[in-house]
Amino acid sequence: MLPGMDGKDICRALKADPVTQLIPILMLTARAEEVDRVIGFELGADDYVTKPFSPRELVLRVKAILRRKETPQEEQKLLQIGDLLIDSERHQVSVKNSPVRLTSTEFKLLLELASRRGRIQTRENLLNKVWGYTYEGYARTVDTHIRRLREKLGFSGEWIETVRGVGYRFRDEEK
């Protein structure tokens, strides 16, 4: 019932375009019939809310959608950052089209940082994500692996910033 284009058509167009297909969609509509809800979900809507609605519930539903979208199930297979290319499916890294040999742990560490560009990752968080909760090493283990990773990446290692007293961050813009 939108002017110009129906909400279902907008949803269909967003999900068909590779650039916008991962954008979460919540349909907020007056159409409350089961068939309308089913069609909305079949077209790719992440949630469907009918009028009248509670603003608090709407906010909680949006937060829930965003939480689900942050899960690694939608991890990018190829991450291109400057001259650095990370292929998570093939478990390969290259800088300026030259392969970089990384250990499994170094690869996981790089992927964890690069997939969360611009956000600080504490040493403890990296230990949990990369080494697993059962790892009983010291937080300085992360520092050693970061140093080795930077060396192997050469100039591209500058993407990894140290945030003193906190942890590390993969820059989200070039210097």
C-alpha atoms as a PDB file:
ATOM      1  CA  MET A   1       0.000   0.000   0.000  1.00  0.00           C
ATOM      2  CA  LEU A   2       3.033   2.276  -0.413  1.00  0.00           C
ATOM      3  CA  PRO A   3       2.850   4.992  -3.059  1.00  0.00           C
ATOM      4  CA  GLY A   4       4.555   4.044  -6.314  1.00  0.00           C
ATOM      5  CA  MET A   5       5.790   0.591  -5.352  1.00  0.00           C
ATOM      6  CA  ASP A   6       4.290  -2.148  -3.191  1.00  0.00           C
ATOM      7  CA  GLY A   7       6.210  -3.215  -0.048  1.00  0.00           C
ATOM      8  CA  LYS A   8       6.424  -6.763  -1.373  1.00  0.00           C
ATOM      9  CA  ASP A   9       8.053  -5.477  -4.572  1.00  0.00           C
ATOM     10  CA  ILE A  10      10.559  -3.448  -2.535  1.00  0.00           C
ATOM     11  CA  CYS A  11      11.411  -6.519  -0.443  1.00  0.00           C
ATOM     12  CA  ARG A  12      11.778  -8.653  -3.583  1.00  0.00           C
ATOM     13  CA  ALA A  13      14.062  -6.044  -5.222  1.00  0.00           C
ATOM     14  CA  LEU A  14      16.266  -5.662  -2.128  1.00  0.00           C
ATOM     15  CA  LYS A  15      16.727  -9.424  -1.750  1.00  0.00           C
ATOM     16  CA  ALA A  16      17.470  -9.873  -5.471  1.00  0.00           C
ATOM     17  CA  ASP A  17      20.315  -7.320  -5.525  1.00  0.00           C
ATOM     18  CA  PRO A  18      23.659  -8.685  -4.196  1.00  0.00           C
ATOM     19  CA  VAL A  19      24.519  -5.249  -2.813  1.00  0.00           C
ATOM     20  CA  THR A  20      21.393  -5.066  -0.633  1.00  0.00           C
ATOM     21  CA  GLN A  21      20.443  -8.708  -0.086  1.00  0.00           C
ATOM     22  CA  LEU A  22      21.914  -8.842   3.441  1.00  0.00           C
ATOM     23  CA  ILE A  23      20.014  -5.767   4.658  1.00  0.00           C
ATOM     24  CA  PRO A  24      17.524  -6.887   7.312  1.00  0.00           C
ATOM     25  CA  ILE A  25      13.874  -6.225   6.492  1.00  0.00           C
ATOM     26  CA  LEU A  26      11.054  -5.823   8.988  1.00  0.00           C
ATOM     27  CA  MET A  27       7.623  -5.413   7.406  1.00  0.00           C
ATOM     28  CA  LEU A  28       5.371  -3.082   9.366  1.00  0.00           C
ATOM     29  CA  THR A  29       1.919  -3.293   7.829  1.00  0.00           C
ATOM     30  CA  ALA A  30      -1.830  -3.161   8.292  1.00  0.00           C
ATOM     31  CA  ARG A  31      -2.175  -6.448   6.408  1.00  0.00           C
ATOM     32  CA  ALA A  32      -2.635  -9.033   9.156  1.00  0.00           C
ATOM     33  CA  GLU A  33      -3.909 -12.056   7.214  1.00  0.00           C
ATOM     34  CA  GLU A  34      -1.885 -15.266   7.413  1.00  0.00           C
ATOM     35  CA  VAL A  35      -1.385 -15.311   3.650  1.00  0.00           C
ATOM     36  CA  ASP A  36       0.159 -11.803   3.776  1.00  0.00           C
ATOM     37  CA  ARG A  37       2.577 -12.830   6.541  1.00  0.00           C
ATOM     38  CA  VAL A  38       3.560 -15.997   4.677  1.00  0.00           C
ATOM     39  CA  ILE A  39       4.206 -14.050   1.464  1.00  0.00           C
ATOM     40  CA  GLY A  40       6.279 -11.495   3.405  1.00  0.00           C
ATOM     41  CA  PHE A  41       8.495 -14.203   4.883  1.00  0.00           C
ATOM     42  CA  GLU A  42       8.765 -16.038   1.548  1.00  0.00           C
ATOM     43  CA  LEU A  43      10.019 -12.830  -0.065  1.00  0.00           C
ATOM     44  CA  GLY A  44      12.801 -12.598   2.518  1.00  0.00           C
ATOM     45  CA  ALA A  45      11.446 -10.427   5.335  1.00  0.00           C
ATOM     46  CA  ASP A  46      13.202 -11.096   8.646  1.00  0.00           C
ATOM     47  CA  ASP A  47      10.144 -10.183  10.698  1.00  0.00           C
ATOM     48  CA  TYR A  48       6.540  -9.119  10.135  1.00  0.00           C
ATOM     49  CA  VAL A  49       4.670  -6.780  12.502  1.00  0.00           C
ATOM     50  CA  THR A  50       1.047  -5.760  12.055  1.00  0.00           C
ATOM     51  CA  LYS A  51      -0.737  -2.614  13.164  1.00  0.00           C
ATOM     52  CA  PRO A  52      -1.561  -1.747  15.862  1.00  0.00           C
ATOM     53  CA  PHE A  53       1.822  -2.464  17.396  1.00  0.00           C
ATOM     54  CA  SER A  54       3.670  -1.685  20.594  1.00  0.00           C
ATOM     55  CA  PRO A  55       6.652   0.653  20.053  1.00  0.00           C
ATOM     56  CA  ARG A  56       8.615  -1.206  22.746  1.00  0.00           C
ATOM     57  CA  GLU A  57       7.975  -4.539  21.056  1.00  0.00           C
ATOM     58  CA  LEU A  58       8.983  -3.062  17.698  1.00  0.00           C
ATOM     59  CA  VAL A  59      12.302  -1.848  19.153  1.00  0.00           C
ATOM     60  CA  LEU A  60      12.948  -5.292  20.684  1.00  0.00           C
ATOM     61  CA  ARG A  61      12.178  -7.006  17.374  1.00  0.00           C
ATOM     62  CA  VAL A  62      14.594  -4.699  15.527  1.00  0.00           C
ATOM     63  CA  LYS A  63      17.307  -5.404  18.123  1.00  0.00           C
ATOM     64  CA  ALA A  64      16.706  -9.156  17.758  1.00  0.00           C
ATOM     65  CA  ILE A  65      17.048  -8.943  13.957  1.00  0.00           C
ATOM     66  CA  LEU A  66      20.289  -6.992  14.274  1.00  0.00           C
ATOM     67  CA  ARG A  67      21.669  -9.522  16.778  1.00  0.00           C
ATOM     68  CA  ARG A  68      20.923 -12.371  14.394  1.00  0.00           C
ATOM     69  CA  LYS A  69      22.536 -10.518  11.498  1.00  0.00           C
ATOM     70  CA  GLU A  70      25.784 -10.145  13.474  1.00  0.00           C
ATOM     71  CA  THR A  71      26.246 -13.909  13.717  1.00  0.00           C
ATOM     72  CA  PRO A  72      29.036 -15.473  11.678  1.00  0.00           C
ATOM     73  CA  GLN A  73      26.595 -17.471   9.524  1.00  0.00           C
ATOM     74  CA  GLU A  74      26.740 -14.624   7.008  1.00  0.00           C
ATOM     75  CA  GLU A  75      30.489 -14.327   7.115  1.00  0.00           C
ATOM     76  CA  GLN A  76      31.900 -13.003   3.881  1.00  0.00           C
ATOM     77  CA  LYS A  77      33.842 -15.567   1.917  1.00  0.00           C
ATOM     78  CA  LEU A  78      36.153 -12.962   0.330  1.00  0.00           C
ATOM     79  CA  LEU A  79      37.374  -9.904   2.197  1.00  0.00           C
ATOM     80  CA  GLN A  80      39.343  -7.365   0.141  1.00  0.00           C
ATOM     81  CA  ILE A  81      41.008  -4.652   2.214  1.00  0.00           C
ATOM     82  CA  GLY A  82      43.529  -2.560   0.314  1.00  0.00           C
ATOM     83  CA  ASP A  83      46.112  -4.982  -1.111  1.00  0.00           C
ATOM     84  CA  LEU A  84      45.065  -7.664   1.367  1.00  0.00           C
ATOM     85  CA  LEU A  85      42.719 -10.443   0.201  1.00  0.00           C
ATOM     86  CA  ILE A  86      41.310 -12.961   2.688  1.00  0.00           C
ATOM     87  CA  ASP A  87      39.508 -15.994   1.260  1.00  0.00           C
ATOM     88  CA  SER A  88      37.817 -17.654   4.237  1.00  0.00           C
ATOM     89  CA  GLU A  89      36.406 -20.516   2.185  1.00  0.00           C
ATOM     90  CA  ARG A  90      39.815 -21.545   0.836  1.00  0.00           C
ATOM     91  CA  HIS A  91      41.667 -20.526   3.997  1.00  0.00           C
ATOM     92  CA  GLN A  92      44.063 -18.373   1.948  1.00  0.00           C
ATOM     93  CA  VAL A  93      45.533 -14.901   2.323  1.00  0.00           C
ATOM     94  CA  SER A  94      47.378 -12.845  -0.267  1.00  0.00           C
ATOM     95  CA  VAL A  95      48.987  -9.414  -0.356  1.00  0.00           C
ATOM     96  CA  LYS A  96      49.335  -7.812  -3.794  1.00  0.00           C
ATOM     97  CA  ASN A  97      48.367 -11.192  -5.327  1.00  0.00           C
ATOM     98  CA  SER A  98      51.275 -12.925  -3.543  1.00  0.00           C
ATOM     99  CA  PRO A  99      50.213 -15.738  -1.199  1.00  0.00           C
ATOM    100  CA  VAL A 100      50.980 -15.328   2.494  1.00  0.00           C
ATOM    101  CA  ARG A 101      51.519 -18.518   4.484  1.00  0.00           C
ATOM    102  CA  LEU A 102      49.745 -18.329   7.827  1.00  0.00           C
ATOM    103  CA  THR A 103      49.217 -20.876  10.548  1.00  0.00           C
ATOM    104  CA  SER A 104      45.634 -21.839  11.278  1.00  0.00           C
ATOM    105  CA  THR A 105      45.652 -19.673  14.407  1.00  0.00           C
ATOM    106  CA  GLU A 106      47.102 -16.668  12.575  1.00  0.00           C
ATOM    107  CA  PHE A 107      44.447 -17.051   9.870  1.00  0.00           C
ATOM    108  CA  LYS A 108      41.624 -17.188  12.444  1.00  0.00           C
ATOM    109  CA  LEU A 109      43.068 -14.168  14.242  1.00  0.00           C
ATOM    110  CA  LEU A 110      43.319 -12.142  11.022  1.00  0.00           C
ATOM    111  CA  LEU A 111      39.805 -13.119   9.947  1.00  0.00           C
ATOM    112  CA  GLU A 112      38.384 -12.254  13.379  1.00  0.00           C
ATOM    113  CA  LEU A 113      39.975  -8.787  13.326  1.00  0.00           C
ATOM    114  CA  ALA A 114      39.258  -8.034   9.652  1.00  0.00           C
ATOM    115  CA  SER A 115      35.612  -9.083   9.844  1.00  0.00           C
ATOM    116  CA  ARG A 116      35.103  -6.605  12.717  1.00  0.00           C
ATOM    117  CA  ARG A 117      36.873  -3.657  11.106  1.00  0.00           C
ATOM    118  CA  GLY A 118      36.948  -0.496  13.173  1.00  0.00           C
ATOM    119  CA  ARG A 119      35.884  -2.232  16.395  1.00  0.00           C
ATOM    120  CA  ILE A 120      38.277  -2.872  19.258  1.00  0.00           C
ATOM    121  CA  GLN A 121      38.802  -6.513  20.173  1.00  0.00           C
ATOM    122  CA  THR A 122      40.139  -7.169  23.661  1.00  0.00           C
ATOM    123  CA  ARG A 123      42.814  -9.803  24.176  1.00  0.00           C
ATOM    124  CA  GLU A 124      40.348 -11.862  26.200  1.00  0.00           C
ATOM    125  CA  ASN A 125      37.741 -11.690  23.424  1.00  0.00           C
ATOM    126  CA  LEU A 126      40.336 -12.771  20.865  1.00  0.00           C
ATOM    127  CA  LEU A 127      41.438 -15.642  23.129  1.00  0.00           C
ATOM    128  CA  ASN A 128      37.822 -16.796  23.374  1.00  0.00           C
ATOM    129  CA  LYS A 129      37.030 -16.435  19.663  1.00  0.00           C
ATOM    130  CA  VAL A 130      40.293 -17.700  18.150  1.00  0.00           C
ATOM    131  CA  TRP A 131      41.642 -20.164  20.700  1.00  0.00           C
ATOM    132  CA  GLY A 132      38.316 -21.210  22.223  1.00  0.00           C
ATOM    133  CA  TYR A 133      36.943 -20.937  25.742  1.00  0.00           C
ATOM    134  CA  THR A 134      38.997 -23.864  26.965  1.00  0.00           C
ATOM    135  CA  TYR A 135      42.311 -22.214  26.073  1.00  0.00           C
ATOM    136  CA  GLU A 136      44.240 -21.622  29.289  1.00  0.00           C
ATOM    137  CA  GLY A 137      47.054 -19.498  27.880  1.00  0.00           C
ATOM    138  CA  TYR A 138      47.948 -15.970  28.785  1.00  0.00           C
ATOM    139  CA  ALA A 139      46.563 -12.870  27.120  1.00  0.00           C
ATOM    140  CA  ARG A 140      50.102 -12.018  25.943  1.00  0.00           C
ATOM    141  CA  THR A 141      49.886 -15.006  23.596  1.00  0.00           C
ATOM    142  CA  VAL A 142      47.682 -12.763  21.452  1.00  0.00           C
ATOM    143  CA  ASP A 143      50.454 -10.134  21.336  1.00  0.00           C
ATOM    144  CA  THR A 144      52.969 -12.689  20.073  1.00  0.00           C
ATOM    145  CA  HIS A 145      50.629 -13.899  17.336  1.00  0.00           C
ATOM    146  CA  ILE A 146      49.765 -10.331  16.304  1.00  0.00           C
ATOM    147  CA  ARG A 147      53.487  -9.515  15.992  1.00  0.00           C
ATOM    148  CA  ARG A 148      54.077 -12.579  13.778  1.00  0.00           C
ATOM    149  CA  LEU A 149      50.984 -11.808  11.736  1.00  0.00           C
ATOM    150  CA  ARG A 150      52.132  -8.226  11.103  1.00  0.00           C
ATOM    151  CA  GLU A 151      55.554  -9.490  10.004  1.00  0.00           C
ATOM    152  CA  LYS A 152      54.053 -11.966   7.546  1.00  0.00           C
ATOM    153  CA  LEU A 153      51.643  -9.393   6.107  1.00  0.00           C
ATOM    154  CA  GLY A 154      54.404  -6.834   5.541  1.00  0.00           C
ATOM    155  CA  PHE A 155      53.022  -3.385   4.715  1.00  0.00           C
ATOM    156  CA  SER A 156      49.444  -4.698   5.047  1.00  0.00           C
ATOM    157  CA  GLY A 157      50.204  -5.516   8.681  1.00  0.00           C
ATOM    158  CA  GLU A 158      49.711  -1.808   9.399  1.00  0.00           C
ATOM    159  CA  TRP A 159      45.969  -2.378   9.144  1.00  0.00           C
ATOM    160  CA  ILE A 160      46.170  -3.964  12.613  1.00  0.00           C
ATOM    161  CA  GLU A 161      46.356  -1.271  15.290  1.00  0.00           C
ATOM    162  CA  THR A 162      47.281  -1.721  18.935  1.00  0.00           C
ATOM    163  CA  VAL A 163      44.907  -0.007  21.340  1.00  0.00           C
ATOM    164  CA  ARG A 164      47.064   0.347  24.448  1.00  0.00           C
ATOM    165  CA  GLY A 165      45.673  -1.281  27.557  1.00  0.00           C
ATOM    166  CA  VAL A 166      42.692  -2.708  25.673  1.00  0.00           C
ATOM    167  CA  GLY A 167      43.541  -4.895  22.678  1.00  0.00           C
ATOM    168  CA  TYR A 168      43.584  -4.583  18.901  1.00  0.00           C
ATOM    169  CA  ARG A 169      41.562  -3.068  16.089  1.00  0.00           C
ATOM    170  CA  PHE A 170      41.616  -3.604  12.350  1.00  0.00           C
ATOM    171  CA  ARG A 171      41.460  -0.088  10.848  1.00  0.00           C
ATOM    172  CA  ASP A 172      38.446   0.596   8.688  1.00  0.00           C
ATOM    173  CA  GLU A 173      40.123   3.186   6.470  1.00  0.00           C
ATOM    174  CA  GLU A 174      43.486   3.581   4.750  1.00  0.00           C
ATOM    175  CA  LYS A 175      46.131   5.887   6.205  1.00  0.00           C
END
